[in-house]
């Protein structure tokens, strides 16, 4: 699903099979709209930034019941009225003009908050690092990964591999890996990159 999603939203050329006919290639230019109670995990680790850049999460958090003000149990019939349909077309055209003018969809604080929360779920290393802070400095990489793996287990998140974990710690959080001897055995530890050390 991840690769198909990325190809569709990025406009890359897609090869598709047609039943009882020759395959065809095309460049998609559509916008994809998904609806659900939860958002599936798309990509992992380093892929998370590219995934989030292509998403707009619109939260629908309102709850309606007979105790809610203006509760309308048969609203679907009102939405089918001529007046309502014309109004929906009107605001749709206004929205399209706004997108074309701004070259982007309109966003809001709630949308940005949803995206930030989803990005953390995609890449739990970010959340783990916020909790542990400088606790990885001069610590063995294996020990840090075990802590990260336990953190993911307790948070019901899927951890990346040990190799990917180390790569991201080096790339995004200002650490290098150094081999030292601990109890006579060579051990890899995380150390701060020189440019990140206060002089």
Protein backbone atom coordinates (compact mmCIF):
# COMPACT_ATOMS: atom_id res chain seq x y z
CA UNK A 1 0.00 0.00 0.00
CA UNK A 2 2.83 2.43 0.84
CA UNK A 3 4.47 2.34 -2.59
CA UNK A 4 1.14 2.54 -4.43
CA UNK A 5 0.05 5.48 -2.30
CA UNK A 6 3.33 7.33 -2.85
CA UNK A 7 3.25 6.80 -6.62
CA UNK A 8 -0.32 8.07 -6.85
CA UNK A 9 0.12 11.22 -4.79
CA UNK A 10 3.50 12.13 -6.32
CA UNK A 11 2.31 11.77 -9.91
CA UNK A 12 4.93 9.18 -10.86
CA UNK A 13 4.22 7.11 -13.94
CA UNK A 14 2.24 3.96 -13.12
CA UNK A 15 2.06 0.69 -15.03
CA UNK A 16 -1.22 -1.15 -14.63
CA UNK A 17 -2.61 -4.41 -15.93
CA UNK A 18 -5.87 -4.47 -17.86
CA UNK A 19 -7.74 -7.76 -17.88
CA UNK A 20 -7.47 -9.51 -21.24
CA UNK A 21 -5.55 -6.54 -22.69
CA UNK A 22 -2.05 -5.12 -22.86
CA UNK A 23 -0.72 -3.20 -19.81
CA UNK A 24 -0.96 0.58 -19.94
CA UNK A 25 1.03 3.38 -18.35
CA UNK A 26 -0.35 6.68 -17.09
CA UNK A 27 0.48 9.61 -14.83
CA UNK A 28 -2.14 10.09 -12.08
CA UNK A 29 -3.21 13.63 -11.25
CA UNK A 30 -6.07 12.84 -8.88
CA UNK A 31 -6.41 13.73 -5.21
CA UNK A 32 -7.11 10.77 -2.93
CA UNK A 33 -9.71 11.04 -0.16
CA UNK A 34 -9.88 8.41 2.60
CA UNK A 35 -12.34 8.15 5.46
CA UNK A 36 -11.97 6.02 8.56
CA UNK A 37 -12.01 5.86 12.33
CA UNK A 38 -8.22 5.44 12.47
CA UNK A 39 -5.34 6.15 10.10
CA UNK A 40 -3.28 3.17 8.94
CA UNK A 41 0.48 3.33 9.30
CA UNK A 42 2.06 4.42 6.01
CA UNK A 43 5.83 4.13 5.68
CA UNK A 44 8.21 3.99 8.61
CA UNK A 45 11.30 5.74 9.90
CA UNK A 46 12.89 7.97 7.28
CA UNK A 47 9.86 7.64 4.99
CA UNK A 48 7.60 9.38 7.51
CA UNK A 49 8.50 12.94 6.47
CA UNK A 50 7.67 12.25 2.81
CA UNK A 51 4.38 10.62 3.81
CA UNK A 52 3.29 13.48 6.08
CA UNK A 53 4.21 16.08 3.44
CA UNK A 54 1.57 14.53 1.21
CA UNK A 55 -1.20 14.30 3.81
CA UNK A 56 -3.93 16.61 5.02
CA UNK A 57 -5.74 15.10 8.00
CA UNK A 58 -9.15 16.67 8.58
CA UNK A 59 -10.46 15.73 12.04
CA UNK A 60 -14.19 15.12 12.45
CA UNK A 61 -14.50 15.07 16.22
CA UNK A 62 -18.08 16.27 16.61
CA UNK A 63 -20.56 13.91 18.23
CA UNK A 64 -24.29 14.12 17.61
CA UNK A 65 -27.15 12.61 19.59
CA UNK A 66 -30.65 13.53 20.71
CA UNK A 67 -29.22 15.74 23.48
CA UNK A 68 -27.12 17.75 21.03
CA UNK A 69 -28.36 21.19 20.06
CA UNK A 70 -29.83 21.28 16.51
CA UNK A 71 -29.70 17.49 16.30
CA UNK A 72 -31.31 16.40 13.01
CA UNK A 73 -31.68 12.61 12.69
CA UNK A 74 -32.78 12.79 9.04
CA UNK A 75 -30.28 15.37 7.85
CA UNK A 76 -29.37 13.27 4.81
CA UNK A 77 -32.70 14.21 3.23
CA UNK A 78 -32.06 17.91 3.82
CA UNK A 79 -28.62 17.61 2.23
CA UNK A 80 -30.27 16.28 -0.94
CA UNK A 81 -32.43 19.38 -1.36
CA UNK A 82 -31.84 21.68 -4.35
CA UNK A 83 -30.91 24.60 -2.12
CA UNK A 84 -28.35 22.57 -0.17
CA UNK A 85 -26.81 21.03 -3.28
CA UNK A 86 -26.40 24.45 -4.89
CA UNK A 87 -24.74 25.78 -1.74
CA UNK A 88 -22.30 22.85 -1.60
CA UNK A 89 -21.36 23.46 -5.24
CA UNK A 90 -20.88 27.16 -4.46
CA UNK A 91 -18.50 26.62 -1.54
CA UNK A 92 -16.72 23.90 -3.53
CA UNK A 93 -15.98 26.34 -6.36
CA UNK A 94 -14.87 28.98 -3.86
CA UNK A 95 -12.55 26.45 -2.27
CA UNK A 96 -11.10 25.46 -5.64
CA UNK A 97 -10.37 29.10 -6.48
CA UNK A 98 -8.65 29.51 -3.11
CA UNK A 99 -6.48 26.43 -3.72
CA UNK A 100 -5.48 27.67 -7.18
CA UNK A 101 -4.69 31.13 -5.85
CA UNK A 102 -2.63 29.93 -2.87
CA UNK A 103 -1.20 26.88 -4.66
CA UNK A 104 -2.02 24.90 -1.53
CA UNK A 105 -4.91 23.61 0.56
CA UNK A 106 -6.10 25.71 3.48
CA UNK A 107 -4.87 24.40 6.81
CA UNK A 108 -5.65 25.08 10.47
CA UNK A 109 -4.24 24.53 13.96
CA UNK A 110 -6.28 21.35 14.44
CA UNK A 111 -5.03 19.93 11.14
CA UNK A 112 -1.41 20.71 12.04
CA UNK A 113 -1.88 19.08 15.44
CA UNK A 114 -3.28 15.92 13.82
CA UNK A 115 -0.34 15.77 11.40
CA UNK A 116 2.19 16.18 14.22
CA UNK A 117 0.54 13.41 16.23
CA UNK A 118 0.47 11.11 13.21
CA UNK A 119 4.11 11.81 12.40
CA UNK A 120 5.08 10.76 15.92
CA UNK A 121 3.16 7.53 15.45
CA UNK A 122 4.97 6.88 12.17
CA UNK A 123 8.40 7.44 13.65
CA UNK A 124 8.49 6.61 17.38
CA UNK A 125 12.22 7.42 17.50
CA UNK A 126 11.27 11.11 17.71
CA UNK A 127 9.03 10.56 20.72
CA UNK A 128 11.58 8.25 22.34
CA UNK A 129 14.31 10.84 21.94
CA UNK A 130 12.13 13.55 23.50
CA UNK A 131 11.73 11.37 26.58
CA UNK A 132 15.31 10.17 26.95
CA UNK A 133 17.00 13.45 25.95
CA UNK A 134 20.76 13.28 26.52
CA UNK A 135 20.44 9.90 28.20
CA UNK A 136 22.01 8.19 25.17
CA UNK A 137 25.30 10.03 25.36
CA UNK A 138 28.22 7.66 26.04
CA UNK A 139 25.81 4.75 26.31
CA UNK A 140 26.19 1.50 24.29
CA UNK A 141 24.10 1.51 21.11
CA UNK A 142 22.71 -1.92 21.98
CA UNK A 143 21.48 -0.70 25.36
CA UNK A 144 19.85 2.35 23.77
CA UNK A 145 18.13 0.19 21.19
CA UNK A 146 16.79 -2.15 23.90
CA UNK A 147 15.32 0.87 25.70
CA UNK A 148 13.79 2.08 22.42
CA UNK A 149 12.39 -1.38 21.68
CA UNK A 150 10.82 -1.53 25.15
CA UNK A 151 9.43 1.98 24.70
CA UNK A 152 7.76 0.94 21.43
CA UNK A 153 6.35 -2.21 23.03
CA UNK A 154 4.79 -0.27 25.90
CA UNK A 155 3.37 2.35 23.49
CA UNK A 156 2.05 -0.30 21.05
CA UNK A 157 4.32 1.04 18.30
CA UNK A 158 6.35 -0.90 15.77
CA UNK A 159 10.10 -0.31 16.20
CA UNK A 160 12.57 0.09 13.36
CA UNK A 161 15.58 -2.20 13.06
CA UNK A 162 18.70 -1.67 15.15
CA UNK A 163 20.61 -0.47 12.08
CA UNK A 164 17.88 2.01 11.10
CA UNK A 165 17.64 3.24 14.68
CA UNK A 166 21.35 4.05 14.77
CA UNK A 167 21.21 5.75 11.37
CA UNK A 168 18.40 8.05 12.44
CA UNK A 169 20.01 8.90 15.77
CA UNK A 170 23.14 9.95 13.87
CA UNK A 171 21.30 11.81 11.12
CA UNK A 172 18.65 13.71 13.09
CA UNK A 173 19.84 14.01 16.68
CA UNK A 174 23.49 15.03 16.44
CA UNK A 175 25.22 11.83 17.52
CA UNK A 176 28.09 9.77 16.17
CA UNK A 177 29.02 6.19 16.98
CA UNK A 178 32.40 5.48 18.53
CA UNK A 179 33.98 2.15 19.40
CA UNK A 180 35.54 1.98 22.87
CA UNK A 181 36.65 -0.87 25.12
CA UNK A 182 34.35 -1.75 28.01
CA UNK A 183 35.56 -4.49 30.35
CA UNK A 184 38.14 -5.36 27.73
CA UNK A 185 35.54 -5.78 24.94
CA UNK A 186 35.04 -3.43 21.96
CA UNK A 187 31.69 -1.66 22.40
CA UNK A 188 29.89 0.85 20.19
CA UNK A 189 28.56 3.89 22.03
CA UNK A 190 26.72 7.07 21.07
CA UNK A 191 28.76 10.28 21.38
CA UNK A 192 27.89 13.84 20.54
CA UNK A 193 29.18 15.12 17.22
CA UNK A 194 31.97 17.61 17.73
CA UNK A 195 30.04 20.49 16.17
CA UNK A 196 27.23 19.90 18.69
CA UNK A 197 29.48 19.96 21.76
CA UNK A 198 29.56 23.28 23.62
CA UNK A 199 33.04 24.72 23.64
